[in-house]
Amino acid sequence: FTRVKWKKSTPVEITALRPANVPL
């Protein structure tokens, strides 16, 4: 009852944010 039970979930896709020191 205490062991972690993992469940398959959706894949993750992350795009890096624009750096704060590079303004438009």
mmCIF file of all heavy atoms, coordinates in Angstrom:
data_MODEL
# 
_entry.id   MODEL 
# 
loop_
_atom_site.group_PDB 
_atom_site.id 
_atom_site.type_symbol 
_atom_site.label_atom_id 
_atom_site.label_alt_id 
_atom_site.label_comp_id 
_atom_site.label_asym_id 
_atom_site.label_entity_id 
_atom_site.label_seq_id 
_atom_site.pdbx_PDB_ins_code 
_atom_site.Cartn_x 
_atom_site.Cartn_y 
_atom_site.Cartn_z 
_atom_site.occupancy 
_atom_site.B_iso_or_equiv 
_atom_site.pdbx_formal_charge 
_atom_site.auth_seq_id 
_atom_site.auth_comp_id 
_atom_site.auth_asym_id 
_atom_site.auth_atom_id 
_atom_site.pdbx_PDB_model_num 
ATOM 1   N N   . PHE A 1 1  ? 0.796  -1.218 0.000   1.00 0.00 ? 1  PHE A N   1 
ATOM 2   C CA  . PHE A 1 1  ? 0.000  0.000  0.000   1.00 0.00 ? 1  PHE A CA  1 
ATOM 3   C C   . PHE A 1 1  ? 0.835  1.278  0.000   1.00 0.00 ? 1  PHE A C   1 
ATOM 4   O O   . PHE A 1 1  ? 0.302  2.363  -0.221  1.00 0.00 ? 1  PHE A O   1 
ATOM 5   C CB  . PHE A 1 1  ? -0.938 0.008  1.216   1.00 0.00 ? 1  PHE A CB  1 
ATOM 6   C CG  . PHE A 1 1  ? -2.087 -0.955 1.083   1.00 0.00 ? 1  PHE A CG  1 
ATOM 7   C CD1 . PHE A 1 1  ? -2.081 -2.157 1.767   1.00 0.00 ? 1  PHE A CD1 1 
ATOM 8   C CD2 . PHE A 1 1  ? -3.160 -0.668 0.257   1.00 0.00 ? 1  PHE A CD2 1 
ATOM 9   C CE1 . PHE A 1 1  ? -3.128 -3.048 1.636   1.00 0.00 ? 1  PHE A CE1 1 
ATOM 10  C CE2 . PHE A 1 1  ? -4.210 -1.561 0.120   1.00 0.00 ? 1  PHE A CE2 1 
ATOM 11  C CZ  . PHE A 1 1  ? -4.203 -2.759 0.812   1.00 0.00 ? 1  PHE A CZ  1 
ATOM 12  N N   . THR A 1 2  ? 2.125  1.158  0.301   1.00 0.00 ? 2  THR A N   1 
ATOM 13  C CA  . THR A 1 2  ? 2.953  2.367  0.316   1.00 0.00 ? 2  THR A CA  1 
ATOM 14  C C   . THR A 1 2  ? 3.876  2.476  -0.893  1.00 0.00 ? 2  THR A C   1 
ATOM 15  O O   . THR A 1 2  ? 4.434  3.543  -1.132  1.00 0.00 ? 2  THR A O   1 
ATOM 16  C CB  . THR A 1 2  ? 3.829  2.411  1.584   1.00 0.00 ? 2  THR A CB  1 
ATOM 17  O OG1 . THR A 1 2  ? 4.658  1.245  1.639   1.00 0.00 ? 2  THR A OG1 1 
ATOM 18  C CG2 . THR A 1 2  ? 2.954  2.479  2.826   1.00 0.00 ? 2  THR A CG2 1 
ATOM 19  N N   . ARG A 1 3  ? 4.074  1.413  -1.641  1.00 0.00 ? 3  ARG A N   1 
ATOM 20  C CA  . ARG A 1 3  ? 4.956  1.501  -2.798  1.00 0.00 ? 3  ARG A CA  1 
ATOM 21  C C   . ARG A 1 3  ? 4.336  2.395  -3.875  1.00 0.00 ? 3  ARG A C   1 
ATOM 22  O O   . ARG A 1 3  ? 3.109  2.478  -4.005  1.00 0.00 ? 3  ARG A O   1 
ATOM 23  C CB  . ARG A 1 3  ? 5.242  0.118  -3.380  1.00 0.00 ? 3  ARG A CB  1 
ATOM 24  C CG  . ARG A 1 3  ? 4.041  -0.549 -4.007  1.00 0.00 ? 3  ARG A CG  1 
ATOM 25  C CD  . ARG A 1 3  ? 4.436  -1.842 -4.698  1.00 0.00 ? 3  ARG A CD  1 
ATOM 26  N NE  . ARG A 1 3  ? 3.291  -2.489 -5.318  1.00 0.00 ? 3  ARG A NE  1 
ATOM 27  C CZ  . ARG A 1 3  ? 3.375  -3.524 -6.126  1.00 0.00 ? 3  ARG A CZ  1 
ATOM 28  N NH1 . ARG A 1 3  ? 4.559  -4.028 -6.417  1.00 0.00 ? 3  ARG A NH1 1 
ATOM 29  N NH2 . ARG A 1 3  ? 2.292  -4.066 -6.640  1.00 0.00 ? 3  ARG A NH2 1 
ATOM 30  N N   . VAL A 1 4  ? 5.174  3.052  -4.603  1.00 0.00 ? 4  VAL A N   1 
ATOM 31  C CA  . VAL A 1 4  ? 4.722  3.971  -5.648  1.00 0.00 ? 4  VAL A CA  1 
ATOM 32  C C   . VAL A 1 4  ? 4.267  3.169  -6.859  1.00 0.00 ? 4  VAL A C   1 
ATOM 33  O O   . VAL A 1 4  ? 4.993  2.309  -7.351  1.00 0.00 ? 4  VAL A O   1 
ATOM 34  C CB  . VAL A 1 4  ? 5.860  4.937  -6.040  1.00 0.00 ? 4  VAL A CB  1 
ATOM 35  C CG1 . VAL A 1 4  ? 5.404  5.848  -7.180  1.00 0.00 ? 4  VAL A CG1 1 
ATOM 36  C CG2 . VAL A 1 4  ? 6.299  5.756  -4.838  1.00 0.00 ? 4  VAL A CG2 1 
ATOM 37  N N   . LYS A 1 5  ? 3.052  3.436  -7.312  1.00 0.00 ? 5  LYS A N   1 
ATOM 38  C CA  . LYS A 1 5  ? 2.510  2.751  -8.480  1.00 0.00 ? 5  LYS A CA  1 
ATOM 39  C C   . LYS A 1 5  ? 2.463  3.740  -9.639  1.00 0.00 ? 5  LYS A C   1 
ATOM 40  O O   . LYS A 1 5  ? 1.713  4.712  -9.611  1.00 0.00 ? 5  LYS A O   1 
ATOM 41  C CB  . LYS A 1 5  ? 1.109  2.220  -8.173  1.00 0.00 ? 5  LYS A CB  1 
ATOM 42  C CG  . LYS A 1 5  ? 1.109  1.175  -7.073  1.00 0.00 ? 5  LYS A CG  1 
ATOM 43  C CD  . LYS A 1 5  ? -0.299 0.671  -6.783  1.00 0.00 ? 5  LYS A CD  1 
ATOM 44  C CE  . LYS A 1 5  ? -0.280 -0.377 -5.682  1.00 0.00 ? 5  LYS A CE  1 
ATOM 45  N NZ  . LYS A 1 5  ? -1.636 -0.878 -5.383  1.00 0.00 ? 5  LYS A NZ  1 
ATOM 46  N N   . TRP A 1 6  ? 3.298  3.500  -10.653 1.00 0.00 ? 6  TRP A N   1 
ATOM 47  C CA  . TRP A 1 6  ? 3.419  4.400  -11.785 1.00 0.00 ? 6  TRP A CA  1 
ATOM 48  C C   . TRP A 1 6  ? 2.438  4.023  -12.876 1.00 0.00 ? 6  TRP A C   1 
ATOM 49  O O   . TRP A 1 6  ? 2.175  2.856  -13.122 1.00 0.00 ? 6  TRP A O   1 
ATOM 50  C CB  . TRP A 1 6  ? 4.838  4.369  -12.343 1.00 0.00 ? 6  TRP A CB  1 
ATOM 51  C CG  . TRP A 1 6  ? 5.867  4.859  -11.372 1.00 0.00 ? 6  TRP A CG  1 
ATOM 52  C CD1 . TRP A 1 6  ? 6.703  4.106  -10.607 1.00 0.00 ? 6  TRP A CD1 1 
ATOM 53  C CD2 . TRP A 1 6  ? 6.153  6.220  -11.043 1.00 0.00 ? 6  TRP A CD2 1 
ATOM 54  N NE1 . TRP A 1 6  ? 7.502  4.904  -9.835  1.00 0.00 ? 6  TRP A NE1 1 
ATOM 55  C CE2 . TRP A 1 6  ? 7.185  6.215  -10.083 1.00 0.00 ? 6  TRP A CE2 1 
ATOM 56  C CE3 . TRP A 1 6  ? 5.634  7.445  -11.471 1.00 0.00 ? 6  TRP A CE3 1 
ATOM 57  C CZ2 . TRP A 1 6  ? 7.710  7.372  -9.548  1.00 0.00 ? 6  TRP A CZ2 1 
ATOM 58  C CZ3 . TRP A 1 6  ? 6.166  8.610  -10.944 1.00 0.00 ? 6  TRP A CZ3 1 
ATOM 59  C CH2 . TRP A 1 6  ? 7.187  8.569  -9.990  1.00 0.00 ? 6  TRP A CH2 1 
ATOM 60  N N   . LYS A 1 7  ? 1.924  5.058  -13.529 1.00 0.00 ? 7  LYS A N   1 
ATOM 61  C CA  . LYS A 1 7  ? 0.971  4.877  -14.625 1.00 0.00 ? 7  LYS A CA  1 
ATOM 62  C C   . LYS A 1 7  ? 1.457  5.664  -15.837 1.00 0.00 ? 7  LYS A C   1 
ATOM 63  O O   . LYS A 1 7  ? 1.848  6.819  -15.727 1.00 0.00 ? 7  LYS A O   1 
ATOM 64  C CB  . LYS A 1 7  ? -0.416 5.375  -14.192 1.00 0.00 ? 7  LYS A CB  1 
ATOM 65  C CG  . LYS A 1 7  ? -1.478 5.193  -15.259 1.00 0.00 ? 7  LYS A CG  1 
ATOM 66  C CD  . LYS A 1 7  ? -2.823 5.700  -14.750 1.00 0.00 ? 7  LYS A CD  1 
ATOM 67  C CE  . LYS A 1 7  ? -3.902 5.550  -15.813 1.00 0.00 ? 7  LYS A CE  1 
ATOM 68  N NZ  . LYS A 1 7  ? -5.211 6.092  -15.331 1.00 0.00 ? 7  LYS A NZ  1 
ATOM 69  N N   . LYS A 1 8  ? 1.430  5.006  -16.984 1.00 0.00 ? 8  LYS A N   1 
ATOM 70  C CA  . LYS A 1 8  ? 1.874  5.654  -18.213 1.00 0.00 ? 8  LYS A CA  1 
ATOM 71  C C   . LYS A 1 8  ? 1.026  6.884  -18.499 1.00 0.00 ? 8  LYS A C   1 
ATOM 72  O O   . LYS A 1 8  ? -0.196 6.850  -18.421 1.00 0.00 ? 8  LYS A O   1 
ATOM 73  C CB  . LYS A 1 8  ? 1.765  4.670  -19.376 1.00 0.00 ? 8  LYS A CB  1 
ATOM 74  C CG  . LYS A 1 8  ? 2.311  5.179  -20.696 1.00 0.00 ? 8  LYS A CG  1 
ATOM 75  C CD  . LYS A 1 8  ? 3.814  5.179  -20.713 1.00 0.00 ? 8  LYS A CD  1 
ATOM 76  C CE  . LYS A 1 8  ? 4.353  5.530  -22.092 1.00 0.00 ? 8  LYS A CE  1 
ATOM 77  N NZ  . LYS A 1 8  ? 5.823  5.563  -22.105 1.00 0.00 ? 8  LYS A NZ  1 
ATOM 78  N N   . SER A 1 9  ? 1.709  7.997  -18.830 1.00 0.00 ? 9  SER A N   1 
ATOM 79  C CA  . SER A 1 9  ? 1.006  9.246  -19.123 1.00 0.00 ? 9  SER A CA  1 
ATOM 80  C C   . SER A 1 9  ? 1.465  9.790  -20.479 1.00 0.00 ? 9  SER A C   1 
ATOM 81  O O   . SER A 1 9  ? 2.289  9.178  -21.162 1.00 0.00 ? 9  SER A O   1 
ATOM 82  C CB  . SER A 1 9  ? 1.279  10.271 -18.019 1.00 0.00 ? 9  SER A CB  1 
ATOM 83  O OG  . SER A 1 9  ? 0.507  11.437 -18.207 1.00 0.00 ? 9  SER A OG  1 
ATOM 84  N N   . THR A 1 10 ? 0.922  10.946 -20.834 1.00 0.00 ? 10 THR A N   1 
ATOM 85  C CA  . THR A 1 10 ? 1.254  11.539 -22.132 1.00 0.00 ? 10 THR A CA  1 
ATOM 86  C C   . THR A 1 10 ? 2.708  12.027 -22.146 1.00 0.00 ? 10 THR A C   1 
ATOM 87  O O   . THR A 1 10 ? 3.222  12.495 -21.122 1.00 0.00 ? 10 THR A O   1 
ATOM 88  C CB  . THR A 1 10 ? 0.337  12.734 -22.432 1.00 0.00 ? 10 THR A CB  1 
ATOM 89  O OG1 . THR A 1 10 ? 0.424  13.668 -21.345 1.00 0.00 ? 10 THR A OG1 1 
ATOM 90  C CG2 . THR A 1 10 ? -1.106 12.273 -22.577 1.00 0.00 ? 10 THR A CG2 1 
ATOM 91  N N   . PRO A 1 11 ? 3.390  11.932 -23.285 1.00 0.00 ? 11 PRO A N   1 
ATOM 92  C CA  . PRO A 1 11 ? 4.767  12.440 -23.377 1.00 0.00 ? 11 PRO A CA  1 
ATOM 93  C C   . PRO A 1 11 ? 4.802  13.953 -23.156 1.00 0.00 ? 11 PRO A C   1 
ATOM 94  O O   . PRO A 1 11 ? 3.803  14.650 -23.292 1.00 0.00 ? 11 PRO A O   1 
ATOM 95  C CB  . PRO A 1 11 ? 5.178  12.069 -24.811 1.00 0.00 ? 11 PRO A CB  1 
ATOM 96  C CG  . PRO A 1 11 ? 4.249  10.984 -25.218 1.00 0.00 ? 11 PRO A CG  1 
ATOM 97  C CD  . PRO A 1 11 ? 2.952  11.272 -24.522 1.00 0.00 ? 11 PRO A CD  1 
ATOM 98  N N   . VAL A 1 12 ? 5.987  14.434 -22.822 1.00 0.00 ? 12 VAL A N   1 
ATOM 99  C CA  . VAL A 1 12 ? 6.188  15.854 -22.556 1.00 0.00 ? 12 VAL A CA  1 
ATOM 100 C C   . VAL A 1 12 ? 7.002  16.468 -23.692 1.00 0.00 ? 12 VAL A C   1 
ATOM 101 O O   . VAL A 1 12 ? 7.967  15.873 -24.168 1.00 0.00 ? 12 VAL A O   1 
ATOM 102 C CB  . VAL A 1 12 ? 6.925  16.050 -21.215 1.00 0.00 ? 12 VAL A CB  1 
ATOM 103 C CG1 . VAL A 1 12 ? 7.284  17.512 -21.001 1.00 0.00 ? 12 VAL A CG1 1 
ATOM 104 C CG2 . VAL A 1 12 ? 6.072  15.550 -20.068 1.00 0.00 ? 12 VAL A CG2 1 
ATOM 105 N N   . GLU A 1 13 ? 6.609  17.662 -24.105 1.00 0.00 ? 13 GLU A N   1 
ATOM 106 C CA  . GLU A 1 13 ? 7.359  18.408 -25.112 1.00 0.00 ? 13 GLU A CA  1 
ATOM 107 C C   . GLU A 1 13 ? 7.469  19.848 -24.641 1.00 0.00 ? 13 GLU A C   1 
ATOM 108 O O   . GLU A 1 13 ? 6.463  20.540 -24.458 1.00 0.00 ? 13 GLU A O   1 
ATOM 109 C CB  . GLU A 1 13 ? 6.650  18.333 -26.458 1.00 0.00 ? 13 GLU A CB  1 
ATOM 110 C CG  . GLU A 1 13 ? 7.437  18.958 -27.596 1.00 0.00 ? 13 GLU A CG  1 
ATOM 111 C CD  . GLU A 1 13 ? 6.806  18.715 -28.955 1.00 0.00 ? 13 GLU A CD  1 
ATOM 112 O OE1 . GLU A 1 13 ? 6.364  17.566 -29.197 1.00 0.00 ? 13 GLU A OE1 1 
ATOM 113 O OE2 . GLU A 1 13 ? 6.732  19.666 -29.756 1.00 0.00 ? 13 GLU A OE2 1 
ATOM 114 N N   . ILE A 1 14 ? 8.708  20.304 -24.394 1.00 0.00 ? 14 ILE A N   1 
ATOM 115 C CA  . ILE A 1 14 ? 8.957  21.631 -23.828 1.00 0.00 ? 14 ILE A CA  1 
ATOM 116 C C   . ILE A 1 14 ? 9.858  22.423 -24.767 1.00 0.00 ? 14 ILE A C   1 
ATOM 117 O O   . ILE A 1 14 ? 10.902 21.926 -25.206 1.00 0.00 ? 14 ILE A O   1 
ATOM 118 C CB  . ILE A 1 14 ? 9.633  21.523 -22.443 1.00 0.00 ? 14 ILE A CB  1 
ATOM 119 C CG1 . ILE A 1 14 ? 8.746  20.726 -21.477 1.00 0.00 ? 14 ILE A CG1 1 
ATOM 120 C CG2 . ILE A 1 14 ? 9.945  22.903 -21.879 1.00 0.00 ? 14 ILE A CG2 1 
ATOM 121 C CD1 . ILE A 1 14 ? 9.449  20.360 -20.190 1.00 0.00 ? 14 ILE A CD1 1 
ATOM 122 N N   . THR A 1 15 ? 9.458  23.648 -25.048 1.00 0.00 ? 15 THR A N   1 
ATOM 123 C CA  . THR A 1 15 ? 10.282 24.562 -25.849 1.00 0.00 ? 15 THR A CA  1 
ATOM 124 C C   . THR A 1 15 ? 10.843 25.645 -24.934 1.00 0.00 ? 15 THR A C   1 
ATOM 125 O O   . THR A 1 15 ? 10.110 26.220 -24.116 1.00 0.00 ? 15 THR A O   1 
ATOM 126 C CB  . THR A 1 15 ? 9.455  25.209 -26.969 1.00 0.00 ? 15 THR A CB  1 
ATOM 127 O OG1 . THR A 1 15 ? 8.938  24.184 -27.816 1.00 0.00 ? 15 THR A OG1 1 
ATOM 128 C CG2 . THR A 1 15 ? 10.312 26.160 -27.794 1.00 0.00 ? 15 THR A CG2 1 
ATOM 129 N N   . ALA A 1 16 ? 12.135 25.896 -25.053 1.00 0.00 ? 16 ALA A N   1 
ATOM 130 C CA  . ALA A 1 16 ? 12.770 26.893 -24.190 1.00 0.00 ? 16 ALA A CA  1 
ATOM 131 C C   . ALA A 1 16 ? 12.151 28.270 -24.396 1.00 0.00 ? 16 ALA A C   1 
ATOM 132 O O   . ALA A 1 16 ? 11.844 28.678 -25.517 1.00 0.00 ? 16 ALA A O   1 
ATOM 133 C CB  . ALA A 1 16 ? 14.269 26.951 -24.487 1.00 0.00 ? 16 ALA A CB  1 
ATOM 134 N N   . LEU A 1 17 ? 11.965 28.979 -23.280 1.00 0.00 ? 17 LEU A N   1 
ATOM 135 C CA  . LEU A 1 17 ? 11.409 30.327 -23.339 1.00 0.00 ? 17 LEU A CA  1 
ATOM 136 C C   . LEU A 1 17 ? 12.453 31.311 -23.861 1.00 0.00 ? 17 LEU A C   1 
ATOM 137 O O   . LEU A 1 17 ? 13.660 31.060 -23.790 1.00 0.00 ? 17 LEU A O   1 
ATOM 138 C CB  . LEU A 1 17 ? 10.947 30.749 -21.940 1.00 0.00 ? 17 LEU A CB  1 
ATOM 139 C CG  . LEU A 1 17 ? 9.842  29.901 -21.294 1.00 0.00 ? 17 LEU A CG  1 
ATOM 140 C CD1 . LEU A 1 17 ? 9.590  30.385 -19.875 1.00 0.00 ? 17 LEU A CD1 1 
ATOM 141 C CD2 . LEU A 1 17 ? 8.559  29.959 -22.123 1.00 0.00 ? 17 LEU A CD2 1 
ATOM 142 N N   . ARG A 1 18 ? 11.980 32.412 -24.358 1.00 0.00 ? 18 ARG A N   1 
ATOM 143 C CA  . ARG A 1 18 ? 12.888 33.473 -24.804 1.00 0.00 ? 18 ARG A CA  1 
ATOM 144 C C   . ARG A 1 18 ? 13.664 34.004 -23.600 1.00 0.00 ? 18 ARG A C   1 
ATOM 145 O O   . ARG A 1 18 ? 13.065 34.327 -22.570 1.00 0.00 ? 18 ARG A O   1 
ATOM 146 C CB  . ARG A 1 18 ? 12.088 34.608 -25.443 1.00 0.00 ? 18 ARG A CB  1 
ATOM 147 C CG  . ARG A 1 18 ? 12.955 35.695 -26.080 1.00 0.00 ? 18 ARG A CG  1 
ATOM 148 C CD  . ARG A 1 18 ? 12.103 36.841 -26.588 1.00 0.00 ? 18 ARG A CD  1 
ATOM 149 N NE  . ARG A 1 18 ? 12.895 37.793 -27.322 1.00 0.00 ? 18 ARG A NE  1 
ATOM 150 C CZ  . ARG A 1 18 ? 13.131 37.742 -28.626 1.00 0.00 ? 18 ARG A CZ  1 
ATOM 151 N NH1 . ARG A 1 18 ? 12.602 36.748 -29.345 1.00 0.00 ? 18 ARG A NH1 1 
ATOM 152 N NH2 . ARG A 1 18 ? 13.879 38.640 -29.238 1.00 0.00 ? 18 ARG A NH2 1 
ATOM 153 N N   . PRO A 1 19 ? 14.991 34.090 -23.695 1.00 0.00 ? 19 PRO A N   1 
ATOM 154 C CA  . PRO A 1 19 ? 15.777 34.575 -22.556 1.00 0.00 ? 19 PRO A CA  1 
ATOM 155 C C   . PRO A 1 19 ? 15.362 35.983 -22.137 1.00 0.00 ? 19 PRO A C   1 
ATOM 156 O O   . PRO A 1 19 ? 15.057 36.838 -22.974 1.00 0.00 ? 19 PRO A O   1 
ATOM 157 C CB  . PRO A 1 19 ? 17.218 34.556 -23.077 1.00 0.00 ? 19 PRO A CB  1 
ATOM 158 C CG  . PRO A 1 19 ? 17.206 33.560 -24.186 1.00 0.00 ? 19 PRO A CG  1 
ATOM 159 C CD  . PRO A 1 19 ? 15.864 33.680 -24.819 1.00 0.00 ? 19 PRO A CD  1 
ATOM 160 N N   . ALA A 1 20 ? 15.370 36.230 -20.828 1.00 0.00 ? 20 ALA A N   1 
ATOM 161 C CA  . ALA A 1 20 ? 14.958 37.542 -20.313 1.00 0.00 ? 20 ALA A CA  1 
ATOM 162 C C   . ALA A 1 20 ? 15.915 38.648 -20.738 1.00 0.00 ? 20 ALA A C   1 
ATOM 163 O O   . ALA A 1 20 ? 15.511 39.823 -20.824 1.00 0.00 ? 20 ALA A O   1 
ATOM 164 C CB  . ALA A 1 20 ? 14.881 37.484 -18.789 1.00 0.00 ? 20 ALA A CB  1 
ATOM 165 N N   . ASN A 1 21 ? 17.176 38.321 -21.007 1.00 0.00 ? 21 ASN A N   1 
ATOM 166 C CA  . ASN A 1 21 ? 18.145 39.361 -21.392 1.00 0.00 ? 21 ASN A CA  1 
ATOM 167 C C   . ASN A 1 21 ? 18.202 39.560 -22.918 1.00 0.00 ? 21 ASN A C   1 
ATOM 168 O O   . ASN A 1 21 ? 19.136 40.175 -23.432 1.00 0.00 ? 21 ASN A O   1 
ATOM 169 C CB  . ASN A 1 21 ? 19.538 39.033 -20.852 1.00 0.00 ? 21 ASN A CB  1 
ATOM 170 C CG  . ASN A 1 21 ? 20.081 37.706 -21.375 1.00 0.00 ? 21 ASN A CG  1 
ATOM 171 O OD1 . ASN A 1 21 ? 19.336 36.922 -21.948 1.00 0.00 ? 21 ASN A OD1 1 
ATOM 172 N ND2 . ASN A 1 21 ? 21.377 37.474 -21.166 1.00 0.00 ? 21 ASN A ND2 1 
ATOM 173 N N   . VAL A 1 22 ? 17.192 39.028 -23.607 1.00 0.00 ? 22 VAL A N   1 
ATOM 174 C CA  . VAL A 1 22 ? 17.110 39.245 -25.061 1.00 0.00 ? 22 VAL A CA  1 
ATOM 175 C C   . VAL A 1 22 ? 15.723 39.811 -25.385 1.00 0.00 ? 22 VAL A C   1 
ATOM 176 O O   . VAL A 1 22 ? 14.815 39.094 -25.813 1.00 0.00 ? 22 VAL A O   1 
ATOM 177 C CB  . VAL A 1 22 ? 17.347 37.943 -25.852 1.00 0.00 ? 22 VAL A CB  1 
ATOM 178 C CG1 . VAL A 1 22 ? 17.391 38.242 -27.346 1.00 0.00 ? 22 VAL A CG1 1 
ATOM 179 C CG2 . VAL A 1 22 ? 18.634 37.266 -25.413 1.00 0.00 ? 22 VAL A CG2 1 
ATOM 180 N N   . PRO A 1 23 ? 15.516 41.094 -25.153 1.00 0.00 ? 23 PRO A N   1 
ATOM 181 C CA  . PRO A 1 23 ? 14.205 41.687 -25.424 1.00 0.00 ? 23 PRO A CA  1 
ATOM 182 C C   . PRO A 1 23 ? 13.947 41.786 -26.935 1.00 0.00 ? 23 PRO A C   1 
ATOM 183 O O   . PRO A 1 23 ? 14.870 41.739 -27.751 1.00 0.00 ? 23 PRO A O   1 
ATOM 184 C CB  . PRO A 1 23 ? 14.311 43.072 -24.795 1.00 0.00 ? 23 PRO A CB  1 
ATOM 185 C CG  . PRO A 1 23 ? 15.775 43.382 -24.824 1.00 0.00 ? 23 PRO A CG  1 
ATOM 186 C CD  . PRO A 1 23 ? 16.476 42.079 -24.623 1.00 0.00 ? 23 PRO A CD  1 
ATOM 187 N N   . LEU A 1 24 ? 12.675 41.899 -27.270 1.00 0.00 ? 24 LEU A N   1 
ATOM 188 C CA  . LEU A 1 24 ? 12.308 42.079 -28.682 1.00 0.00 ? 24 LEU A CA  1 
ATOM 189 C C   . LEU A 1 24 ? 12.862 43.400 -29.194 1.00 0.00 ? 24 LEU A C   1 
ATOM 190 O O   . LEU A 1 24 ? 12.879 44.404 -28.477 1.00 0.00 ? 24 LEU A O   1 
ATOM 191 C CB  . LEU A 1 24 ? 10.787 42.048 -28.827 1.00 0.00 ? 24 LEU A CB  1 
ATOM 192 C CG  . LEU A 1 24 ? 10.132 40.687 -28.557 1.00 0.00 ? 24 LEU A CG  1 
ATOM 193 C CD1 . LEU A 1 24 ? 8.609  40.833 -28.525 1.00 0.00 ? 24 LEU A CD1 1 
ATOM 194 C CD2 . LEU A 1 24 ? 10.544 39.664 -29.620 1.00 0.00 ? 24 LEU A CD2 1 
# 
